[in-house]
Amino acid sequence: MKWGAVVPSRLRPAIIWAGVALLLGGCAEHLAHFPTASPGASVTVSGSLLRPEGTGPLPAMVVLHHCAGITEVITDWGLWLRSEGYVTLMVNSFAARGRTRNTCATWVNPTPEEVALDAFGALAYLRSLPFVDKDRIGVIGWSYGALASLLASGDSFVSQVRPEGGGFRAAVAFYPQCSYLSPATSIPVLLLLGGADYWSQPGVCGDRAEHLQRAGTPIVLKD
């Protein structure tokens, strides 16, 4: 029997999130809690911390989910990043606000800007860990989370947040809408697009990325 026949779709993200905790042995040290970076918001964000073997200091990645929340795709990537030697913090921006998913149409509650602020909260948390290399932390996101990763890569957004130790050192965005691609960034940005994607408009991303590349912005595009 398929799991979709017995598990309501609205419950699947929560079940997967609980499964991650079981996978990690339910240890408190693997369940992270940190404040969002917004100075005017008292929001505590949760995340699942995956640590590879080794004493460090180790590079790290902040993982931002898509509009369906923490799903199997996100956990699979988190586990893969850990296998590649990265400390991985999978941020759950919905749980902190009493949600399990977004409508995937409005991008509200939280907005991509709020998710980007959650990412900077995760960045500060990772920098507090003795086994993390504070100067080698990147951010990666999918769709809705990709918008936030692009925001987090922009110099203007970083200057507003003013994170201690500076911003992220690299950003990866899977099939974002490239209106969020900053015209000014000091870090490498990797765009991963689907050529047949009719929603995120990869052609627009390609044109915008090419323009920024000519201006010297460190952007790489793959489709």
N, C-alpha and C. Protein backbone atom coordinates (compact mmCIF):
# COMPACT_ATOMS: atom_id res chain seq x y z
N MET A 1 0.84 -1.19 0.00
CA MET A 1 0.00 0.00 0.00
C MET A 1 0.88 1.24 0.00
N LYS A 2 0.55 2.24 -0.84
CA LYS A 2 1.31 3.46 -0.88
C LYS A 2 1.04 4.30 0.35
N TRP A 3 2.13 5.02 0.79
CA TRP A 3 1.95 5.77 2.04
C TRP A 3 0.96 6.91 1.86
N GLY A 4 0.82 7.44 0.61
CA GLY A 4 -0.14 8.51 0.37
C GLY A 4 -1.57 8.08 0.63
N ALA A 5 -1.81 6.76 0.60
CA ALA A 5 -3.17 6.27 0.82
C ALA A 5 -3.52 6.21 2.30
N VAL A 6 -2.52 6.22 3.16
CA VAL A 6 -2.81 6.07 4.58
C VAL A 6 -2.37 7.27 5.40
N VAL A 7 -1.52 8.14 4.83
CA VAL A 7 -1.04 9.30 5.57
C VAL A 7 -1.51 10.58 4.88
N PRO A 8 -2.33 11.42 5.54
CA PRO A 8 -2.78 12.66 4.92
C PRO A 8 -1.59 13.53 4.53
N SER A 9 -1.70 14.20 3.38
CA SER A 9 -0.57 14.99 2.88
C SER A 9 -0.14 16.07 3.86
N ARG A 10 -1.08 16.64 4.62
CA ARG A 10 -0.72 17.72 5.54
C ARG A 10 0.14 17.24 6.69
N LEU A 11 0.13 15.91 6.94
CA LEU A 11 0.89 15.37 8.06
C LEU A 11 2.27 14.87 7.65
N ARG A 12 2.52 14.71 6.35
CA ARG A 12 3.77 14.08 5.93
C ARG A 12 5.01 14.86 6.33
N PRO A 13 5.04 16.23 6.16
CA PRO A 13 6.25 16.94 6.58
C PRO A 13 6.57 16.75 8.06
N ALA A 14 5.52 16.76 8.91
CA ALA A 14 5.75 16.59 10.34
C ALA A 14 6.29 15.20 10.65
N ILE A 15 5.77 14.19 9.94
CA ILE A 15 6.24 12.81 10.16
C ILE A 15 7.68 12.65 9.71
N ILE A 16 8.01 13.25 8.56
CA ILE A 16 9.39 13.18 8.08
C ILE A 16 10.32 13.88 9.06
N TRP A 17 9.88 15.04 9.56
CA TRP A 17 10.71 15.78 10.54
C TRP A 17 10.94 14.92 11.79
N ALA A 18 9.91 14.24 12.26
CA ALA A 18 10.06 13.36 13.41
C ALA A 18 11.00 12.21 13.07
N GLY A 19 10.93 11.73 11.82
CA GLY A 19 11.81 10.65 11.40
C GLY A 19 13.26 11.05 11.41
N VAL A 20 13.53 12.31 11.09
CA VAL A 20 14.91 12.79 11.16
C VAL A 20 15.43 12.70 12.58
N ALA A 21 14.59 13.10 13.54
CA ALA A 21 15.01 13.02 14.93
C ALA A 21 15.31 11.58 15.35
N LEU A 22 14.48 10.65 14.88
CA LEU A 22 14.73 9.24 15.19
C LEU A 22 16.01 8.75 14.52
N LEU A 23 16.22 9.20 13.30
CA LEU A 23 17.43 8.82 12.58
C LEU A 23 18.68 9.27 13.32
N LEU A 24 18.57 10.43 13.95
CA LEU A 24 19.71 10.97 14.68
C LEU A 24 19.79 10.44 16.11
N GLY A 25 18.91 9.52 16.44
CA GLY A 25 18.96 8.94 17.77
C GLY A 25 18.23 9.75 18.82
N GLY A 26 17.56 10.84 18.39
CA GLY A 26 16.82 11.66 19.34
C GLY A 26 17.71 12.41 20.30
N CYS A 27 18.99 12.55 20.00
CA CYS A 27 19.92 13.21 20.92
C CYS A 27 19.69 14.71 20.88
N ALA A 28 19.67 15.34 22.06
CA ALA A 28 19.43 16.77 22.14
C ALA A 28 20.50 17.56 21.41
N GLU A 29 21.72 17.04 21.40
CA GLU A 29 22.81 17.78 20.76
C GLU A 29 22.60 17.91 19.25
N HIS A 30 21.71 17.11 18.68
CA HIS A 30 21.45 17.19 17.25
C HIS A 30 20.23 18.04 16.93
N LEU A 31 19.52 18.51 17.94
CA LEU A 31 18.36 19.37 17.72
C LEU A 31 18.74 20.78 18.12
N ALA A 32 18.85 21.65 17.13
CA ALA A 32 19.32 23.01 17.37
C ALA A 32 18.16 23.97 17.53
N HIS A 33 18.34 24.96 18.38
CA HIS A 33 17.36 26.03 18.55
C HIS A 33 18.14 27.35 18.61
N PHE A 34 17.68 28.33 17.82
CA PHE A 34 18.41 29.59 17.75
C PHE A 34 17.44 30.69 17.35
N PRO A 35 17.74 31.95 17.72
CA PRO A 35 16.85 33.04 17.33
C PRO A 35 17.05 33.44 15.88
N THR A 36 15.97 33.87 15.24
CA THR A 36 16.11 34.44 13.91
C THR A 36 16.93 35.72 14.03
N ALA A 37 17.51 36.18 12.93
CA ALA A 37 18.42 37.33 12.99
C ALA A 37 17.69 38.66 12.93
N SER A 38 16.37 38.65 12.82
CA SER A 38 15.62 39.91 12.78
C SER A 38 15.65 40.58 14.14
N PRO A 39 16.14 41.83 14.22
CA PRO A 39 16.22 42.50 15.52
C PRO A 39 14.86 42.78 16.15
N GLY A 40 13.81 42.83 15.33
CA GLY A 40 12.50 43.16 15.87
C GLY A 40 11.60 41.98 16.10
N ALA A 41 12.09 40.76 15.90
CA ALA A 41 11.24 39.58 16.03
C ALA A 41 11.81 38.62 17.08
N SER A 42 10.94 38.17 17.98
CA SER A 42 11.36 37.22 19.00
C SER A 42 10.92 35.82 18.58
N VAL A 43 11.52 35.31 17.52
CA VAL A 43 11.18 34.01 16.97
C VAL A 43 12.34 33.05 17.20
N THR A 44 12.06 31.92 17.84
CA THR A 44 13.06 30.88 18.01
C THR A 44 12.86 29.83 16.94
N VAL A 45 13.90 29.59 16.17
CA VAL A 45 13.85 28.69 15.04
C VAL A 45 14.49 27.36 15.43
N SER A 46 13.96 26.27 14.91
CA SER A 46 14.53 24.95 15.16
C SER A 46 15.22 24.44 13.92
N GLY A 47 16.12 23.51 14.11
CA GLY A 47 16.82 22.91 12.99
C GLY A 47 17.44 21.59 13.38
N SER A 48 17.69 20.77 12.40
CA SER A 48 18.32 19.47 12.63
C SER A 48 19.78 19.57 12.23
N LEU A 49 20.66 19.27 13.18
CA LEU A 49 22.09 19.40 12.98
C LEU A 49 22.70 18.03 12.69
N LEU A 50 23.33 17.92 11.54
CA LEU A 50 24.01 16.69 11.14
C LEU A 50 25.51 16.95 11.16
N ARG A 51 26.24 16.14 11.93
CA ARG A 51 27.68 16.34 12.06
C ARG A 51 28.43 15.14 11.50
N PRO A 52 29.36 15.37 10.58
CA PRO A 52 30.17 14.27 10.06
C PRO A 52 31.24 13.87 11.05
N GLU A 53 31.95 12.81 10.74
CA GLU A 53 33.05 12.41 11.60
C GLU A 53 34.18 13.42 11.50
N GLY A 54 34.97 13.49 12.55
CA GLY A 54 36.11 14.40 12.56
C GLY A 54 35.95 15.45 13.63
N THR A 55 37.09 15.92 14.12
CA THR A 55 37.07 16.91 15.20
C THR A 55 36.96 18.33 14.69
N GLY A 56 37.30 18.53 13.43
CA GLY A 56 37.20 19.86 12.85
C GLY A 56 38.46 20.69 13.01
N PRO A 57 38.35 21.97 12.65
CA PRO A 57 37.12 22.65 12.25
C PRO A 57 36.64 22.20 10.87
N LEU A 58 35.32 22.03 10.74
CA LEU A 58 34.70 21.49 9.54
C LEU A 58 33.88 22.56 8.82
N PRO A 59 33.81 22.48 7.49
CA PRO A 59 32.92 23.40 6.77
C PRO A 59 31.47 23.07 7.08
N ALA A 60 30.58 24.00 6.80
CA ALA A 60 29.17 23.80 7.15
C ALA A 60 28.27 24.40 6.10
N MET A 61 27.03 23.87 6.04
CA MET A 61 26.00 24.38 5.14
C MET A 61 24.69 24.57 5.90
N VAL A 62 24.07 25.71 5.68
CA VAL A 62 22.71 25.96 6.16
C VAL A 62 21.75 25.57 5.04
N VAL A 63 20.80 24.69 5.35
CA VAL A 63 19.86 24.14 4.36
C VAL A 63 18.48 24.76 4.57
N LEU A 64 17.94 25.37 3.50
CA LEU A 64 16.63 26.03 3.56
C LEU A 64 15.63 25.26 2.70
N HIS A 65 14.52 24.84 3.31
CA HIS A 65 13.56 23.97 2.64
C HIS A 65 12.69 24.72 1.63
N HIS A 66 11.98 23.97 0.81
CA HIS A 66 11.05 24.54 -0.15
C HIS A 66 9.70 24.77 0.51
N CYS A 67 8.69 25.14 -0.29
CA CYS A 67 7.41 25.55 0.28
C CYS A 67 6.63 24.40 0.91
N ALA A 68 7.04 23.16 0.68
CA ALA A 68 6.39 22.02 1.32
C ALA A 68 7.02 21.70 2.68
N GLY A 69 8.01 22.47 3.09
CA GLY A 69 8.65 22.25 4.38
C GLY A 69 9.73 21.19 4.32
N ILE A 70 10.02 20.57 5.47
CA ILE A 70 11.04 19.53 5.55
C ILE A 70 10.47 18.24 4.97
N THR A 71 10.94 17.85 3.81
CA THR A 71 10.48 16.64 3.14
C THR A 71 11.67 15.70 2.93
N GLU A 72 11.38 14.56 2.33
CA GLU A 72 12.42 13.56 2.10
C GLU A 72 13.55 14.11 1.24
N VAL A 73 13.21 14.95 0.28
CA VAL A 73 14.25 15.55 -0.58
C VAL A 73 15.24 16.35 0.26
N ILE A 74 14.73 17.14 1.18
CA ILE A 74 15.60 17.98 2.01
C ILE A 74 16.47 17.12 2.92
N THR A 75 15.86 16.12 3.56
CA THR A 75 16.65 15.27 4.46
C THR A 75 17.69 14.46 3.69
N ASP A 76 17.35 14.02 2.47
CA ASP A 76 18.32 13.29 1.66
C ASP A 76 19.53 14.17 1.34
N TRP A 77 19.27 15.41 0.97
CA TRP A 77 20.38 16.31 0.69
C TRP A 77 21.19 16.61 1.95
N GLY A 78 20.51 16.77 3.07
CA GLY A 78 21.24 17.01 4.31
C GLY A 78 22.17 15.86 4.65
N LEU A 79 21.68 14.63 4.48
CA LEU A 79 22.51 13.46 4.74
C LEU A 79 23.66 13.36 3.74
N TRP A 80 23.40 13.72 2.48
CA TRP A 80 24.47 13.69 1.48
C TRP A 80 25.55 14.71 1.80
N LEU A 81 25.14 15.91 2.19
CA LEU A 81 26.12 16.93 2.56
C LEU A 81 26.98 16.47 3.74
N ARG A 82 26.32 15.83 4.71
CA ARG A 82 27.10 15.30 5.83
C ARG A 82 28.10 14.26 5.36
N SER A 83 27.69 13.40 4.42
CA SER A 83 28.60 12.36 3.92
C SER A 83 29.78 12.97 3.17
N GLU A 84 29.61 14.20 2.68
CA GLU A 84 30.69 14.89 1.98
C GLU A 84 31.57 15.69 2.93
N GLY A 85 31.30 15.59 4.23
CA GLY A 85 32.15 16.23 5.21
C GLY A 85 31.67 17.57 5.74
N TYR A 86 30.42 17.94 5.43
CA TYR A 86 29.88 19.21 5.90
C TYR A 86 29.02 19.04 7.14
N VAL A 87 29.24 19.89 8.13
CA VAL A 87 28.25 20.03 9.19
C VAL A 87 27.02 20.66 8.54
N THR A 88 25.86 20.07 8.74
CA THR A 88 24.66 20.50 8.02
C THR A 88 23.56 20.87 9.00
N LEU A 89 23.02 22.07 8.84
CA LEU A 89 21.92 22.51 9.69
C LEU A 89 20.69 22.74 8.82
N MET A 90 19.72 21.82 8.92
CA MET A 90 18.47 21.91 8.16
C MET A 90 17.48 22.76 8.96
N VAL A 91 17.21 23.94 8.47
CA VAL A 91 16.40 24.92 9.18
C VAL A 91 14.91 24.67 8.90
N ASN A 92 14.11 24.67 9.95
CA ASN A 92 12.66 24.51 9.82
C ASN A 92 11.98 25.85 10.11
N SER A 93 11.84 26.66 9.08
CA SER A 93 11.28 28.00 9.26
C SER A 93 9.78 27.97 9.52
N PHE A 94 9.11 26.90 9.13
CA PHE A 94 7.66 26.82 9.33
C PHE A 94 7.30 26.47 10.78
N ALA A 95 8.02 25.53 11.37
CA ALA A 95 7.67 25.07 12.71
C ALA A 95 7.67 26.21 13.72
N ALA A 96 8.62 27.14 13.56
CA ALA A 96 8.72 28.26 14.50
C ALA A 96 7.49 29.16 14.44
N ARG A 97 6.74 29.05 13.35
CA ARG A 97 5.59 29.93 13.15
C ARG A 97 4.28 29.14 13.09
N GLY A 98 4.32 27.89 13.58
CA GLY A 98 3.12 27.08 13.68
C GLY A 98 2.59 26.57 12.37
N ARG A 99 3.47 26.37 11.40
CA ARG A 99 3.04 25.89 10.09
C ARG A 99 3.79 24.61 9.75
N THR A 100 3.21 23.80 8.86
CA THR A 100 3.91 22.63 8.34
C THR A 100 4.29 22.80 6.89
N ARG A 101 3.61 23.72 6.20
CA ARG A 101 3.92 23.97 4.80
C ARG A 101 3.35 25.32 4.40
N ASN A 102 3.74 25.80 3.21
CA ASN A 102 3.23 27.02 2.64
C ASN A 102 2.28 26.63 1.50
N THR A 103 1.54 27.59 0.97
CA THR A 103 0.65 27.29 -0.13
C THR A 103 1.41 27.07 -1.43
N CYS A 104 2.67 27.42 -1.47
CA CYS A 104 3.50 27.35 -2.68
C CYS A 104 3.01 28.32 -3.74
N ALA A 105 2.18 29.25 -3.35
CA ALA A 105 1.70 30.24 -4.32
C ALA A 105 1.89 31.67 -3.83
N THR A 106 1.81 31.87 -2.51
CA THR A 106 1.86 33.25 -2.00
C THR A 106 3.17 33.60 -1.32
N TRP A 107 3.91 32.60 -0.85
CA TRP A 107 5.19 32.83 -0.16
C TRP A 107 5.04 33.80 1.00
N VAL A 108 4.09 33.54 1.84
CA VAL A 108 3.90 34.37 3.01
C VAL A 108 3.92 33.50 4.25
N ASN A 109 4.23 34.13 5.38
CA ASN A 109 4.21 33.50 6.70
C ASN A 109 4.99 32.18 6.75
N PRO A 110 6.28 32.21 6.72
CA PRO A 110 7.12 33.40 6.63
C PRO A 110 7.42 33.79 5.19
N THR A 111 7.82 35.02 5.00
CA THR A 111 8.24 35.50 3.69
C THR A 111 9.67 35.01 3.42
N PRO A 112 10.11 35.04 2.15
CA PRO A 112 11.51 34.70 1.87
C PRO A 112 12.49 35.56 2.65
N GLU A 113 12.13 36.82 2.89
CA GLU A 113 13.00 37.69 3.68
C GLU A 113 13.15 37.17 5.11
N GLU A 114 12.05 36.69 5.69
CA GLU A 114 12.11 36.13 7.04
C GLU A 114 12.92 34.84 7.07
N VAL A 115 12.79 34.02 6.02
CA VAL A 115 13.58 32.79 5.95
C VAL A 115 15.06 33.12 5.83
N ALA A 116 15.39 34.17 5.06
CA ALA A 116 16.78 34.60 4.96
C ALA A 116 17.32 35.03 6.32
N LEU A 117 16.49 35.69 7.11
CA LEU A 117 16.90 36.08 8.46
C LEU A 117 17.08 34.84 9.34
N ASP A 118 16.24 33.82 9.15
CA ASP A 118 16.44 32.55 9.85
C ASP A 118 17.79 31.95 9.48
N ALA A 119 18.15 32.08 8.20
CA ALA A 119 19.44 31.54 7.74
C ALA A 119 20.60 32.22 8.45
N PHE A 120 20.49 33.53 8.65
CA PHE A 120 21.56 34.24 9.37
C PHE A 120 21.57 33.87 10.85
N GLY A 121 20.40 33.55 11.41
CA GLY A 121 20.38 33.03 12.77
C GLY A 121 21.10 31.70 12.85
N ALA A 122 20.89 30.85 11.83
CA ALA A 122 21.58 29.56 11.76
C ALA A 122 23.09 29.75 11.59
N LEU A 123 23.46 30.76 10.80
CA LEU A 123 24.88 31.06 10.61
C LEU A 123 25.55 31.41 11.93
N ALA A 124 24.90 32.26 12.71
CA ALA A 124 25.46 32.63 14.02
C ALA A 124 25.56 31.41 14.93
N TYR A 125 24.53 30.55 14.90
CA TYR A 125 24.56 29.35 15.73
C TYR A 125 25.73 28.45 15.34
N LEU A 126 25.91 28.22 14.05
CA LEU A 126 27.01 27.35 13.60
C LEU A 126 28.36 27.93 14.01
N ARG A 127 28.49 29.23 13.94
CA ARG A 127 29.77 29.86 14.32
C ARG A 127 30.05 29.74 15.81
N SER A 128 29.02 29.41 16.58
CA SER A 128 29.24 29.23 18.03
C SER A 128 29.74 27.83 18.37
N LEU A 129 29.74 26.92 17.38
CA LEU A 129 30.13 25.54 17.63
C LEU A 129 31.64 25.37 17.42
N PRO A 130 32.33 24.76 18.36
CA PRO A 130 33.79 24.68 18.27
C PRO A 130 34.31 23.82 17.13
N PHE A 131 33.48 22.90 16.60
CA PHE A 131 33.96 22.02 15.53
C PHE A 131 33.64 22.55 14.13
N VAL A 132 33.06 23.76 14.05
CA VAL A 132 32.71 24.36 12.75
C VAL A 132 33.75 25.41 12.38
N ASP A 133 34.17 25.38 11.12
CA ASP A 133 35.06 26.41 10.59
C ASP A 133 34.23 27.66 10.32
N LYS A 134 34.44 28.70 11.09
CA LYS A 134 33.61 29.90 11.04
C LYS A 134 33.70 30.64 9.71
N ASP A 135 34.77 30.39 8.97
CA ASP A 135 34.98 31.08 7.70
C ASP A 135 34.61 30.24 6.49
N ARG A 136 33.98 29.07 6.71
CA ARG A 136 33.60 28.21 5.59
C ARG A 136 32.17 27.70 5.80
N ILE A 137 31.23 28.63 5.77
CA ILE A 137 29.82 28.29 5.94
C ILE A 137 29.04 28.84 4.76
N GLY A 138 28.31 27.97 4.08
CA GLY A 138 27.50 28.37 2.94
C GLY A 138 26.02 28.16 3.21
N VAL A 139 25.19 28.57 2.25
CA VAL A 139 23.74 28.41 2.37
C VAL A 139 23.22 27.80 1.08
N ILE A 140 22.27 26.86 1.21
CA ILE A 140 21.69 26.18 0.05
C ILE A 140 20.18 26.10 0.24
N GLY A 141 19.41 26.37 -0.83
CA GLY A 141 17.97 26.34 -0.71
C GLY A 141 17.30 25.87 -1.98
N TRP A 142 16.05 25.43 -1.83
CA TRP A 142 15.24 24.91 -2.93
C TRP A 142 14.01 25.79 -3.12
N SER A 143 13.79 26.27 -4.35
CA SER A 143 12.59 27.01 -4.71
C SER A 143 12.34 28.16 -3.73
N TYR A 144 11.35 28.02 -2.87
CA TYR A 144 11.06 29.03 -1.84
C TYR A 144 12.30 29.31 -0.98
N GLY A 145 12.99 28.25 -0.56
CA GLY A 145 14.23 28.43 0.20
C GLY A 145 15.35 28.99 -0.65
N ALA A 146 15.30 28.74 -1.97
CA ALA A 146 16.30 29.28 -2.87
C ALA A 146 16.20 30.80 -2.96
N LEU A 147 14.97 31.31 -2.90
CA LEU A 147 14.79 32.76 -2.88
C LEU A 147 15.51 33.36 -1.68
N ALA A 148 15.36 32.69 -0.53
CA ALA A 148 16.01 33.17 0.68
C ALA A 148 17.53 33.08 0.57
N SER A 149 18.02 32.01 -0.05
CA SER A 149 19.48 31.87 -0.19
C SER A 149 20.03 32.96 -1.10
N LEU A 150 19.28 33.34 -2.15
CA LEU A 150 19.72 34.45 -3.00
C LEU A 150 19.70 35.77 -2.24
N LEU A 151 18.67 35.99 -1.45
CA LEU A 151 18.63 37.19 -0.62
C LEU A 151 19.84 37.23 0.32
N ALA A 152 20.14 36.09 0.93
CA ALA A 152 21.24 36.02 1.90
C ALA A 152 22.59 36.23 1.25
N SER A 153 22.67 36.05 -0.08
CA SER A 153 23.94 36.24 -0.77
C SER A 153 24.19 37.68 -1.16
N GLY A 154 23.17 38.51 -1.10
CA GLY A 154 23.29 39.88 -1.58
C GLY A 154 23.98 40.80 -0.58
N ASP A 155 24.86 41.64 -1.09
CA ASP A 155 25.60 42.55 -0.21
C ASP A 155 24.69 43.49 0.55
N SER A 156 23.61 43.96 -0.08
CA SER A 156 22.73 44.92 0.60
C SER A 156 22.00 44.26 1.76
N PHE A 157 21.57 43.01 1.59
CA PHE A 157 20.89 42.30 2.67
C PHE A 157 21.86 42.03 3.82
N VAL A 158 23.08 41.63 3.47
CA VAL A 158 24.10 41.37 4.50
C VAL A 158 24.40 42.64 5.28
N SER A 159 24.45 43.77 4.59
CA SER A 159 24.76 45.03 5.27
C SER A 159 23.65 45.44 6.23
N GLN A 160 22.41 45.02 5.94
CA GLN A 160 21.31 45.31 6.86
C GLN A 160 21.38 44.44 8.10
N VAL A 161 21.72 43.16 7.91
CA VAL A 161 21.77 42.22 9.03
C VAL A 161 23.03 42.41 9.86
N ARG A 162 24.13 42.69 9.18
CA ARG A 162 25.45 42.89 9.80
C ARG A 162 25.83 41.73 10.73
N PRO A 163 25.91 40.52 10.18
CA PRO A 163 26.27 39.37 11.03
C PRO A 163 27.72 39.46 11.51
N GLU A 164 27.92 39.08 12.73
CA GLU A 164 29.28 39.08 13.28
C GLU A 164 30.12 38.04 12.53
N GLY A 165 31.25 38.48 12.01
CA GLY A 165 32.10 37.59 11.24
C GLY A 165 31.79 37.62 9.75
N GLY A 166 30.81 38.46 9.35
CA GLY A 166 30.45 38.55 7.94
C GLY A 166 29.39 37.55 7.54
N GLY A 167 29.02 37.59 6.26
CA GLY A 167 27.95 36.73 5.77
C GLY A 167 28.42 35.36 5.35
N PHE A 168 27.59 34.69 4.58
CA PHE A 168 27.93 33.36 4.06
C PHE A 168 29.07 33.47 3.07
N ARG A 169 29.77 32.36 2.87
CA ARG A 169 30.91 32.35 1.96
C ARG A 169 30.54 31.83 0.57
N ALA A 170 29.37 31.20 0.44
CA ALA A 170 28.88 30.73 -0.85
C ALA A 170 27.38 30.48 -0.73
N ALA A 171 26.68 30.53 -1.87
CA ALA A 171 25.25 30.28 -1.88
C ALA A 171 24.89 29.39 -3.07
N VAL A 172 23.95 28.47 -2.84
CA VAL A 172 23.45 27.58 -3.88
C VAL A 172 21.93 27.70 -3.91
N ALA A 173 21.38 27.85 -5.13
CA ALA A 173 19.93 28.01 -5.26
C ALA A 173 19.41 27.06 -6.33
N PHE A 174 18.53 26.13 -5.90
CA PHE A 174 17.86 25.22 -6.83
C PHE A 174 16.57 25.85 -7.34
N TYR A 175 16.45 26.02 -8.61
CA TYR A 175 15.28 26.54 -9.33
C TYR A 175 14.58 27.70 -8.61
N PRO A 176 15.34 28.80 -8.41
CA PRO A 176 14.73 29.99 -7.81
C PRO A 176 14.06 30.85 -8.85
N GLN A 177 13.28 31.82 -8.40
CA GLN A 177 12.87 32.91 -9.26
C GLN A 177 13.95 33.98 -9.16
N CYS A 178 14.55 34.32 -10.27
CA CYS A 178 15.77 35.12 -10.23
C CYS A 178 15.55 36.61 -10.06
N SER A 179 14.31 37.02 -9.84
CA SER A 179 14.10 38.41 -9.44
C SER A 179 14.75 38.67 -8.08
N TYR A 180 15.03 37.60 -7.34
CA TYR A 180 15.68 37.73 -6.04
C TYR A 180 17.20 37.68 -6.15
N LEU A 181 17.72 37.53 -7.36
CA LEU A 181 19.16 37.48 -7.56
C LEU A 181 19.74 38.88 -7.43
N SER A 182 20.63 39.06 -6.46
CA SER A 182 21.16 40.39 -6.17
C SER A 182 22.12 40.85 -7.26
N PRO A 183 22.04 42.12 -7.67
CA PRO A 183 23.00 42.64 -8.64
C PRO A 183 24.38 42.85 -8.04
N ALA A 184 24.48 42.74 -6.73
CA ALA A 184 25.77 42.92 -6.06
C ALA A 184 25.96 41.84 -5.01
N THR A 185 26.91 40.97 -5.24
CA THR A 185 27.25 39.95 -4.25
C THR A 185 28.76 39.74 -4.26
N SER A 186 29.30 39.49 -3.09
CA SER A 186 30.75 39.29 -2.97
C SER A 186 31.12 37.83 -2.84
N ILE A 187 30.11 36.94 -2.90
CA ILE A 187 30.38 35.52 -2.72
C ILE A 187 29.96 34.75 -3.97
N PRO A 188 30.56 33.57 -4.19
CA PRO A 188 30.13 32.74 -5.33
C PRO A 188 28.68 32.28 -5.15
N VAL A 189 27.92 32.35 -6.25
CA VAL A 189 26.53 31.91 -6.26
C VAL A 189 26.35 30.88 -7.37
N LEU A 190 25.82 29.71 -7.02
CA LEU A 190 25.56 28.66 -7.98
C LEU A 190 24.05 28.53 -8.18
N LEU A 191 23.60 28.71 -9.42
CA LEU A 191 22.19 28.54 -9.77
C LEU A 191 22.01 27.20 -10.46
N LEU A 192 21.12 26.37 -9.95
CA LEU A 192 20.82 25.06 -10.54
C LEU A 192 19.37 25.06 -11.00
N LEU A 193 19.20 24.99 -12.32
CA LEU A 193 17.88 25.20 -12.91
C LEU A 193 17.43 23.98 -13.71
N GLY A 194 16.13 23.90 -13.96
CA GLY A 194 15.57 22.87 -14.83
C GLY A 194 15.17 23.50 -16.16
N GLY A 195 15.70 22.99 -17.25
CA GLY A 195 15.45 23.59 -18.55
C GLY A 195 13.98 23.62 -18.94
N ALA A 196 13.20 22.65 -18.44
CA ALA A 196 11.77 22.58 -18.79
C ALA A 196 10.88 23.19 -17.70
N ASP A 197 11.47 23.86 -16.74
CA ASP A 197 10.71 24.45 -15.64
C ASP A 197 9.85 25.61 -16.18
N TYR A 198 8.53 25.50 -16.02
CA TYR A 198 7.64 26.54 -16.53
C TYR A 198 7.26 27.55 -15.45
N TRP A 199 7.67 27.30 -14.19
CA TRP A 199 7.29 28.17 -13.08
C TRP A 199 8.39 29.17 -12.75
N SER A 200 9.62 28.68 -12.60
CA SER A 200 10.72 29.54 -12.17
C SER A 200 11.37 30.30 -13.32
N GLN A 201 10.97 30.02 -14.55
CA GLN A 201 11.44 30.74 -15.71
C GLN A 201 12.97 30.75 -15.82
N PRO A 202 13.56 29.59 -16.12
CA PRO A 202 15.02 29.50 -16.21
C PRO A 202 15.61 30.43 -17.26
N GLY A 203 14.84 30.77 -18.31
CA GLY A 203 15.35 31.70 -19.31
C GLY A 203 15.63 33.07 -18.72
N VAL A 204 14.75 33.52 -17.84
CA VAL A 204 14.95 34.81 -17.16
C VAL A 204 16.21 34.74 -16.29
N CYS A 205 16.36 33.61 -15.60
CA CYS A 205 17.56 33.43 -14.76
C CYS A 205 18.82 33.47 -15.61
N GLY A 206 18.77 32.78 -16.76
CA GLY A 206 19.94 32.74 -17.62
C GLY A 206 20.32 34.11 -18.11
N ASP A 207 19.33 34.89 -18.56
CA ASP A 207 19.61 36.24 -19.05
C ASP A 207 20.17 37.13 -17.94
N ARG A 208 19.57 37.03 -16.76
CA ARG A 208 20.01 37.87 -15.65
C ARG A 208 21.41 37.46 -15.18
N ALA A 209 21.64 36.15 -15.11
CA ALA A 209 22.96 35.67 -14.68
C ALA A 209 24.04 36.07 -15.67
N GLU A 210 23.72 35.97 -16.96
CA GLU A 210 24.71 36.35 -17.98
C GLU A 210 25.06 37.83 -17.87
N HIS A 211 24.06 38.66 -17.64
CA HIS A 211 24.29 40.10 -17.48
C HIS A 211 25.20 40.36 -16.27
N LEU A 212 24.91 39.69 -15.17
CA LEU A 212 25.70 39.90 -13.96
C LEU A 212 27.11 39.33 -14.10
N GLN A 213 27.23 38.22 -14.83
CA GLN A 213 28.57 37.67 -15.07
C GLN A 213 29.44 38.66 -15.83
N ARG A 214 28.85 39.32 -16.83
CA ARG A 214 29.61 40.31 -17.59
C ARG A 214 30.05 41.47 -16.71
N ALA A 215 29.26 41.74 -15.65
CA ALA A 215 29.61 42.83 -14.73
C ALA A 215 30.61 42.37 -13.67
N GLY A 216 30.99 41.07 -13.71
CA GLY A 216 31.98 40.57 -12.77
C GLY A 216 31.43 39.90 -11.54
N THR A 217 30.10 39.70 -11.48
CA THR A 217 29.50 39.02 -10.33
C THR A 217 29.83 37.53 -10.40
N PRO A 218 30.29 36.92 -9.27
CA PRO A 218 30.71 35.52 -9.29
C PRO A 218 29.54 34.54 -9.28
N ILE A 219 28.86 34.42 -10.43
CA ILE A 219 27.69 33.56 -10.55
C ILE A 219 27.96 32.46 -11.56
N VAL A 220 27.60 31.22 -11.20
CA VAL A 220 27.69 30.08 -12.10
C VAL A 220 26.28 29.52 -12.29
N LEU A 221 25.91 29.24 -13.53
CA LEU A 221 24.57 28.73 -13.82
C LEU A 221 24.67 27.37 -14.48
N LYS A 222 23.87 26.40 -13.95
CA LYS A 222 23.80 25.05 -14.53
C LYS A 222 22.32 24.71 -14.77
N ASP A 223 22.01 24.16 -15.95
CA ASP A 223 20.63 23.71 -16.16
C ASP A 223 20.63 22.35 -16.83
